[in-house]
Amino acid sequence: MTILIIAIAALAITSVAAQVLIPRIGERQIERRLAHNGGDAFVSLAAMPSTRLLRREGDRILVRGRRLEIGMSRGGGGLSALDGFESVDVALGEFVTGPFEIVAFELRRDGEGPYRMRSEASTSGTALAGYGFESLGGLAPLLAMLAKQAPLGSRSFRVEVEVELVSENGVLSITAGEGTIAGYPAGPIAKLIASAVARGIEVG
């Protein structure tokens, strides 16, 4: 009986420790990844049980950051890194991803509804040309033209996005809202930025 009681107590202690440690380890990993090239990041994860985080699932993920540098994959992608969380709350400021200098970025979702994304950024034709037009979807002809026009190629222009996104099987779709770059529609840009941020804060 004594051995059984000790075993049960040890199991309980292990479970409590895991519930505390797994989220903390995940938070620190994401913070280090986001701030690898400088800047400040804060991450809070919640999951019951905490082992859900090992499957990139949880009750809540909250991310804050400033002055970060987040890599942008030329392949785009969805928000699978975040889809397993019931509540997503991401707010970043003054960071760089690909050819874009982001002033403010917000990505939020509650329950099974769509993601709500808002972003204010800037870029230039020169920066876009250096990144590669083939990665920017249907905007490639327009951006190639802007990059070749002097002095417009080096002049900064605004990228404004306020959209609702649905992520399904690694594919992002815009269901409402709009994005513009130099006054032209910029749906592919919205999806590229959202995907880059999601990969930057992937759990595990």
C-alpha atoms as a PDB file:
ATOM      1  CA  MET A   1       0.000   0.000   0.000  1.00  0.00           C
ATOM      2  CA  THR A   2       2.842   2.397   0.866  1.00  0.00           C
ATOM      3  CA  ILE A   3       4.479   1.783  -2.511  1.00  0.00           C
ATOM      4  CA  LEU A   4       1.170   2.451  -4.268  1.00  0.00           C
ATOM      5  CA  ILE A   5       0.710   5.741  -2.394  1.00  0.00           C
ATOM      6  CA  ILE A   6       4.254   6.806  -3.261  1.00  0.00           C
ATOM      7  CA  ALA A   7       3.701   5.923  -6.919  1.00  0.00           C
ATOM      8  CA  ILE A   8       0.439   7.913  -7.046  1.00  0.00           C
ATOM      9  CA  ALA A   9       2.092  10.896  -5.347  1.00  0.00           C
ATOM     10  CA  ALA A  10       5.021  10.763  -7.760  1.00  0.00           C
ATOM     11  CA  LEU A  11       2.648  10.638 -10.727  1.00  0.00           C
ATOM     12  CA  ALA A  12       0.708  13.617  -9.391  1.00  0.00           C
ATOM     13  CA  ILE A  13       3.873  15.633  -8.875  1.00  0.00           C
ATOM     14  CA  THR A  14       5.064  14.757 -12.393  1.00  0.00           C
ATOM     15  CA  SER A  15       1.711  15.810 -13.885  1.00  0.00           C
ATOM     16  CA  VAL A  16       1.755  19.141 -12.057  1.00  0.00           C
ATOM     17  CA  ALA A  17       5.343  19.785 -13.084  1.00  0.00           C
ATOM     18  CA  ALA A  18       4.542  19.003 -16.716  1.00  0.00           C
ATOM     19  CA  GLN A  19       1.547  21.323 -16.632  1.00  0.00           C
ATOM     20  CA  VAL A  20       3.820  24.166 -15.555  1.00  0.00           C
ATOM     21  CA  LEU A  21       7.017  23.348 -17.441  1.00  0.00           C
ATOM     22  CA  ILE A  22       5.735  22.473 -20.931  1.00  0.00           C
ATOM     23  CA  PRO A  23       4.123  25.891 -21.526  1.00  0.00           C
ATOM     24  CA  ARG A  24       7.165  27.692 -20.102  1.00  0.00           C
ATOM     25  CA  ILE A  25       9.542  25.771 -22.344  1.00  0.00           C
ATOM     26  CA  GLY A  26       7.363  26.471 -25.376  1.00  0.00           C
ATOM     27  CA  GLU A  27       7.150  30.174 -24.531  1.00  0.00           C
ATOM     28  CA  ARG A  28      10.906  30.512 -24.181  1.00  0.00           C
ATOM     29  CA  GLN A  29      11.545  28.654 -27.451  1.00  0.00           C
ATOM     30  CA  ILE A  30       9.246  30.962 -29.412  1.00  0.00           C
ATOM     31  CA  GLU A  31      10.637  34.084 -27.756  1.00  0.00           C
ATOM     32  CA  ARG A  32      14.205  33.060 -28.605  1.00  0.00           C
ATOM     33  CA  ARG A  33      13.256  32.269 -32.188  1.00  0.00           C
ATOM     34  CA  LEU A  34      11.462  35.573 -32.698  1.00  0.00           C
ATOM     35  CA  ALA A  35      14.241  37.658 -31.127  1.00  0.00           C
ATOM     36  CA  HIS A  36      17.114  35.683 -32.689  1.00  0.00           C
ATOM     37  CA  ASN A  37      18.178  38.708 -34.748  1.00  0.00           C
ATOM     38  CA  GLY A  38      17.319  41.305 -32.092  1.00  0.00           C
ATOM     39  CA  GLY A  39      14.213  42.919 -30.685  1.00  0.00           C
ATOM     40  CA  ASP A  40      11.895  42.028 -27.829  1.00  0.00           C
ATOM     41  CA  ALA A  41       9.312  39.237 -27.668  1.00  0.00           C
ATOM     42  CA  PHE A  42       6.835  38.002 -25.080  1.00  0.00           C
ATOM     43  CA  VAL A  43       4.799  34.794 -25.448  1.00  0.00           C
ATOM     44  CA  SER A  44       2.111  33.239 -23.239  1.00  0.00           C
ATOM     45  CA  LEU A  45       0.743  29.730 -23.859  1.00  0.00           C
ATOM     46  CA  ALA A  46      -2.165  28.035 -22.115  1.00  0.00           C
ATOM     47  CA  ALA A  47      -3.387  24.456 -22.592  1.00  0.00           C
ATOM     48  CA  MET A  48      -5.181  21.906 -20.462  1.00  0.00           C
ATOM     49  CA  PRO A  49      -3.604  19.439 -20.411  1.00  0.00           C
ATOM     50  CA  SER A  50      -0.316  21.044 -21.334  1.00  0.00           C
ATOM     51  CA  THR A  51       0.704  18.032 -23.446  1.00  0.00           C
ATOM     52  CA  ARG A  52      -1.653  19.375 -26.143  1.00  0.00           C
ATOM     53  CA  LEU A  53       1.077  21.903 -26.908  1.00  0.00           C
ATOM     54  CA  LEU A  54       3.261  19.071 -28.164  1.00  0.00           C
ATOM     55  CA  ARG A  55       0.679  18.661 -30.959  1.00  0.00           C
ATOM     56  CA  ARG A  56       0.562  22.427 -31.603  1.00  0.00           C
ATOM     57  CA  GLU A  57      -2.825  22.666 -29.883  1.00  0.00           C
ATOM     58  CA  GLY A  58      -3.975  24.684 -26.893  1.00  0.00           C
ATOM     59  CA  ASP A  59      -6.475  27.012 -25.296  1.00  0.00           C
ATOM     60  CA  ARG A  60      -4.640  30.279 -25.981  1.00  0.00           C
ATOM     61  CA  ILE A  61      -1.541  31.736 -27.559  1.00  0.00           C
ATOM     62  CA  LEU A  62      -0.655  35.377 -26.947  1.00  0.00           C
ATOM     63  CA  VAL A  63       2.342  37.006 -28.621  1.00  0.00           C
ATOM     64  CA  ARG A  64       3.758  40.506 -28.316  1.00  0.00           C
ATOM     65  CA  GLY A  65       6.923  41.814 -29.934  1.00  0.00           C
ATOM     66  CA  ARG A  66       8.791  44.824 -31.305  1.00  0.00           C
ATOM     67  CA  ARG A  67      11.803  45.461 -33.528  1.00  0.00           C
ATOM     68  CA  LEU A  68      11.970  41.846 -34.743  1.00  0.00           C
ATOM     69  CA  GLU A  69      13.244  40.357 -37.984  1.00  0.00           C
ATOM     70  CA  ILE A  70      11.038  37.501 -39.179  1.00  0.00           C
ATOM     71  CA  GLY A  71      11.999  35.362 -42.154  1.00  0.00           C
ATOM     72  CA  MET A  72       9.578  35.126 -45.051  1.00  0.00           C
ATOM     73  CA  SER A  73       9.368  31.871 -47.004  1.00  0.00           C
ATOM     74  CA  ARG A  74       8.940  32.288 -50.725  1.00  0.00           C
ATOM     75  CA  GLY A  75       6.514  29.376 -50.636  1.00  0.00           C
ATOM     76  CA  GLY A  76       3.868  31.227 -48.643  1.00  0.00           C
ATOM     77  CA  GLY A  77       1.719  28.795 -46.654  1.00  0.00           C
ATOM     78  CA  GLY A  78      -1.118  28.870 -44.193  1.00  0.00           C
ATOM     79  CA  LEU A  79      -1.562  29.352 -40.474  1.00  0.00           C
ATOM     80  CA  SER A  80      -1.284  25.703 -39.445  1.00  0.00           C
ATOM     81  CA  ALA A  81       1.084  26.687 -36.627  1.00  0.00           C
ATOM     82  CA  LEU A  82      -1.819  28.548 -34.991  1.00  0.00           C
ATOM     83  CA  ASP A  83      -4.903  26.661 -36.163  1.00  0.00           C
ATOM     84  CA  GLY A  84      -4.879  24.307 -33.169  1.00  0.00           C
ATOM     85  CA  PHE A  85      -5.386  27.132 -30.647  1.00  0.00           C
ATOM     86  CA  GLU A  86      -8.869  28.198 -29.603  1.00  0.00           C
ATOM     87  CA  SER A  87      -7.767  31.788 -28.988  1.00  0.00           C
ATOM     88  CA  VAL A  88      -5.044  33.556 -30.998  1.00  0.00           C
ATOM     89  CA  ASP A  89      -3.871  37.053 -30.073  1.00  0.00           C
ATOM     90  CA  VAL A  90      -0.778  38.351 -31.882  1.00  0.00           C
ATOM     91  CA  ALA A  91       0.295  42.008 -31.897  1.00  0.00           C
ATOM     92  CA  LEU A  92       3.708  43.025 -33.262  1.00  0.00           C
ATOM     93  CA  GLY A  93       5.214  46.405 -34.029  1.00  0.00           C
ATOM     94  CA  GLU A  94       8.181  47.848 -35.896  1.00  0.00           C
ATOM     95  CA  PHE A  95       9.483  44.629 -37.423  1.00  0.00           C
ATOM     96  CA  VAL A  96      10.811  43.458 -40.775  1.00  0.00           C
ATOM     97  CA  THR A  97       9.769  40.477 -42.864  1.00  0.00           C
ATOM     98  CA  GLY A  98      10.976  39.941 -46.412  1.00  0.00           C
ATOM     99  CA  PRO A  99      10.842  43.269 -48.303  1.00  0.00           C
ATOM    100  CA  PHE A 100       8.298  44.784 -45.886  1.00  0.00           C
ATOM    101  CA  GLU A 101       8.879  47.120 -42.950  1.00  0.00           C
ATOM    102  CA  ILE A 102       5.889  46.559 -40.678  1.00  0.00           C
ATOM    103  CA  VAL A 103       4.711  49.423 -38.498  1.00  0.00           C
ATOM    104  CA  ALA A 104       1.886  47.492 -36.824  1.00  0.00           C
ATOM    105  CA  PHE A 105       0.539  43.950 -37.186  1.00  0.00           C
ATOM    106  CA  GLU A 106      -2.418  42.254 -35.481  1.00  0.00           C
ATOM    107  CA  LEU A 107      -3.719  38.722 -35.983  1.00  0.00           C
ATOM    108  CA  ARG A 108      -6.590  37.479 -33.822  1.00  0.00           C
ATOM    109  CA  ARG A 109      -9.103  34.658 -33.724  1.00  0.00           C
ATOM    110  CA  ASP A 110     -11.651  33.515 -31.141  1.00  0.00           C
ATOM    111  CA  GLY A 111     -13.095  30.028 -31.403  1.00  0.00           C
ATOM    112  CA  GLU A 112     -13.703  28.586 -34.843  1.00  0.00           C
ATOM    113  CA  GLY A 113     -14.266  31.899 -36.613  1.00  0.00           C
ATOM    114  CA  PRO A 114     -11.917  33.459 -39.179  1.00  0.00           C
ATOM    115  CA  TYR A 115      -8.661  35.178 -38.335  1.00  0.00           C
ATOM    116  CA  ARG A 116      -8.850  38.972 -38.312  1.00  0.00           C
ATOM    117  CA  MET A 117      -5.662  40.538 -39.623  1.00  0.00           C
ATOM    118  CA  ARG A 118      -4.665  44.184 -39.702  1.00  0.00           C
ATOM    119  CA  SER A 119      -1.282  45.421 -40.885  1.00  0.00           C
ATOM    120  CA  GLU A 120       0.351  48.737 -41.740  1.00  0.00           C
ATOM    121  CA  ALA A 121       3.650  48.518 -43.588  1.00  0.00           C
ATOM    122  CA  SER A 122       5.866  50.052 -46.234  1.00  0.00           C
ATOM    123  CA  THR A 123       8.160  48.796 -48.967  1.00  0.00           C
ATOM    124  CA  SER A 124       9.781  49.981 -52.183  1.00  0.00           C
ATOM    125  CA  GLY A 125      10.145  48.730 -55.712  1.00  0.00           C
ATOM    126  CA  THR A 126      13.842  48.162 -55.101  1.00  0.00           C
ATOM    127  CA  ALA A 127      13.166  46.037 -52.005  1.00  0.00           C
ATOM    128  CA  LEU A 128      10.534  44.015 -53.856  1.00  0.00           C
ATOM    129  CA  ALA A 129      12.873  43.425 -56.785  1.00  0.00           C
ATOM    130  CA  GLY A 130      15.555  42.180 -54.410  1.00  0.00           C
ATOM    131  CA  TYR A 131      13.114  39.730 -52.855  1.00  0.00           C
ATOM    132  CA  GLY A 132      11.889  38.263 -56.162  1.00  0.00           C
ATOM    133  CA  PHE A 133       8.665  39.068 -57.978  1.00  0.00           C
ATOM    134  CA  GLU A 134       7.785  35.427 -58.620  1.00  0.00           C
ATOM    135  CA  SER A 135       7.038  35.075 -54.888  1.00  0.00           C
ATOM    136  CA  LEU A 136       4.379  37.794 -54.890  1.00  0.00           C
ATOM    137  CA  GLY A 137       1.618  36.210 -56.903  1.00  0.00           C
ATOM    138  CA  GLY A 138      -0.578  38.293 -59.189  1.00  0.00           C
ATOM    139  CA  LEU A 139       1.165  41.523 -58.190  1.00  0.00           C
ATOM    140  CA  ALA A 140       4.388  40.593 -59.976  1.00  0.00           C
ATOM    141  CA  PRO A 141       3.827  42.628 -63.200  1.00  0.00           C
ATOM    142  CA  LEU A 142       2.814  45.761 -61.269  1.00  0.00           C
ATOM    143  CA  LEU A 143       5.709  45.499 -58.827  1.00  0.00           C
ATOM    144  CA  ALA A 144       8.219  44.852 -61.594  1.00  0.00           C
ATOM    145  CA  MET A 145       7.039  48.023 -63.316  1.00  0.00           C
ATOM    146  CA  LEU A 146       7.323  50.079 -60.112  1.00  0.00           C
ATOM    147  CA  ALA A 147      10.810  48.778 -59.406  1.00  0.00           C
ATOM    148  CA  LYS A 148      12.082  49.834 -62.823  1.00  0.00           C
ATOM    149  CA  GLN A 149      10.746  53.383 -62.657  1.00  0.00           C
ATOM    150  CA  ALA A 150      13.212  55.921 -61.234  1.00  0.00           C
ATOM    151  CA  PRO A 151      12.936  57.507 -58.758  1.00  0.00           C
ATOM    152  CA  LEU A 152       9.813  55.518 -57.857  1.00  0.00           C
ATOM    153  CA  GLY A 153      11.770  52.292 -57.533  1.00  0.00           C
ATOM    154  CA  SER A 154      13.554  53.448 -54.396  1.00  0.00           C
ATOM    155  CA  ARG A 155      10.679  55.483 -53.016  1.00  0.00           C
ATOM    156  CA  SER A 156       8.747  54.009 -50.101  1.00  0.00           C
ATOM    157  CA  PHE A 157       5.031  53.314 -50.518  1.00  0.00           C
ATOM    158  CA  ARG A 158       2.375  52.065 -48.108  1.00  0.00           C
ATOM    159  CA  VAL A 159       0.982  48.577 -47.739  1.00  0.00           C
ATOM    160  CA  GLU A 160      -2.314  48.547 -45.830  1.00  0.00           C
ATOM    161  CA  VAL A 161      -4.214  45.372 -44.998  1.00  0.00           C
ATOM    162  CA  GLU A 162      -7.399  44.719 -43.040  1.00  0.00           C
ATOM    163  CA  VAL A 163      -8.860  41.324 -43.870  1.00  0.00           C
ATOM    164  CA  GLU A 164     -10.478  38.172 -42.547  1.00  0.00           C
ATOM    165  CA  LEU A 165      -8.585  34.957 -43.279  1.00  0.00           C
ATOM    166  CA  VAL A 166      -9.615  31.302 -43.269  1.00  0.00           C
ATOM    167  CA  SER A 167      -6.875  28.685 -42.919  1.00  0.00           C
ATOM    168  CA  GLU A 168      -7.649  25.197 -44.182  1.00  0.00           C
ATOM    169  CA  ASN A 169      -5.229  22.368 -44.947  1.00  0.00           C
ATOM    170  CA  GLY A 170      -2.295  24.773 -45.115  1.00  0.00           C
ATOM    171  CA  VAL A 171      -4.082  27.103 -47.549  1.00  0.00           C
ATOM    172  CA  LEU A 172      -5.084  30.674 -46.708  1.00  0.00           C
ATOM    173  CA  SER A 173      -8.163  32.338 -48.191  1.00  0.00           C
ATOM    174  CA  ILE A 174      -9.357  35.932 -47.790  1.00  0.00           C
ATOM    175  CA  THR A 175     -13.082  35.976 -47.002  1.00  0.00           C
ATOM    176  CA  ALA A 176     -13.609  39.674 -46.260  1.00  0.00           C
ATOM    177  CA  GLY A 177     -11.787  42.999 -46.194  1.00  0.00           C
ATOM    178  CA  GLU A 178      -9.055  44.308 -48.457  1.00  0.00           C
ATOM    179  CA  GLY A 179      -5.366  44.996 -48.789  1.00  0.00           C
ATOM    180  CA  THR A 180      -3.681  47.629 -50.932  1.00  0.00           C
ATOM    181  CA  ILE A 181      -0.145  48.391 -52.054  1.00  0.00           C
ATOM    182  CA  ALA A 182       0.380  51.771 -53.710  1.00  0.00           C
ATOM    183  CA  GLY A 183      -3.402  51.846 -54.129  1.00  0.00           C
ATOM    184  CA  TYR A 184      -3.641  48.457 -55.863  1.00  0.00           C
ATOM    185  CA  PRO A 185      -5.171  45.244 -54.431  1.00  0.00           C
ATOM    186  CA  ALA A 186      -2.661  43.245 -52.401  1.00  0.00           C
ATOM    187  CA  GLY A 187      -4.348  40.030 -51.273  1.00  0.00           C
ATOM    188  CA  PRO A 188      -1.233  37.870 -51.909  1.00  0.00           C
ATOM    189  CA  ILE A 189       0.808  40.266 -49.744  1.00  0.00           C
ATOM    190  CA  ALA A 190      -1.591  39.840 -46.803  1.00  0.00           C
ATOM    191  CA  LYS A 191      -1.268  36.059 -46.967  1.00  0.00           C
ATOM    192  CA  LEU A 192       2.540  36.178 -47.246  1.00  0.00           C
ATOM    193  CA  ILE A 193       2.904  38.388 -44.164  1.00  0.00           C
ATOM    194  CA  ALA A 194       0.421  36.359 -42.082  1.00  0.00           C
ATOM    195  CA  SER A 195       2.133  33.085 -42.995  1.00  0.00           C
ATOM    196  CA  ALA A 196       5.582  34.462 -42.173  1.00  0.00           C
ATOM    197  CA  VAL A 197       4.459  35.551 -38.697  1.00  0.00           C
ATOM    198  CA  ALA A 198       2.741  32.219 -38.040  1.00  0.00           C
ATOM    199  CA  ARG A 199       5.885  30.261 -38.877  1.00  0.00           C
ATOM    200  CA  GLY A 200       7.907  32.561 -36.644  1.00  0.00           C
ATOM    201  CA  ILE A 201       5.753  31.691 -33.632  1.00  0.00           C
ATOM    202  CA  GLU A 202       5.303  27.993 -34.322  1.00  0.00           C
ATOM    203  CA  VAL A 203       5.205  25.933 -31.136  1.00  0.00           C
ATOM    204  CA  GLY A 204       7.842  23.222 -30.839  1.00  0.00           C
END
